[in-house]
């Protein structure tokens, strides 16, 4: 039985633990390191996993170590974990935005199999989208194991060029916020037209949910689905022409580029800090 240790017991770790329990992995196979006593109590009560205040204790017998902490915490972990990781050589899975594989190798040791991944917040309800990148030391069985862990909370896609992981962060990692911003805008626009806010929110949310399902379950690309909704000279065409006039594709492109660059900058800041 593979033992999995989570360093950090926040929302993403909770979602992964809950998802893995549903796949049949027992609580006895998982440990969690979490500095907050109240969070440790909640994790133990909710999932039955063993929790520790110190990372090295949680990681002592793990074959897989999931780093579920904020990027700025990573350099500080090396003093507590490096010796244990070099002795046991577990597979390291990092879910921290902007943290590169070479940085993880520098902090925790160059001989480790490392998977860098970027899940998103819909993982909390089992509907996540995660990009994964593996270094050369990750074996095929370990790749399958890493994918199984992230599959527990949604869809996974392997990325073969690590430089694209910052784009993954910009698209799926940050993407839920773009969606919420769109729903907010739709809601406000409907209210401005006189619709009650509760009605506007329900219609906008369900419309986006339905459209997302159509795209995910269809073999058609989004352009074709858009064309099918757009009658010549109809209401949809009028709205799409307004989007185009205001430069929606350019706005989205610039936003994704800004988020991607921010990931690059975060990694550079960690280089300077460490």
Foldseek 3Di string as FASTA:
>chain_A
DAAEEEEAQDLVVVLLLVLVVVVPDALASYEYAHQDPVSQVVCCVPRVHHYHPARCVRLQPGQEYEYPDEPVCVLVCLVRAQVSCVVNQHEYEYQYFLADPVNVCVSRNVQHWYKYKHWADQLSVLAIEMEIETDPNQDPVNVVVVLVSSNSSHHYDYDHDRLCRLLVCLPRHCVVVVLVVVLVVQLVVVVVVPDDSVVSSVVSVVVVVVVVVCCVVDPDHPVVVLVVVDDVPDPSVVVVVVCVVVPVVVVSVVSSVVSSVVSNVSNVVSVVVD
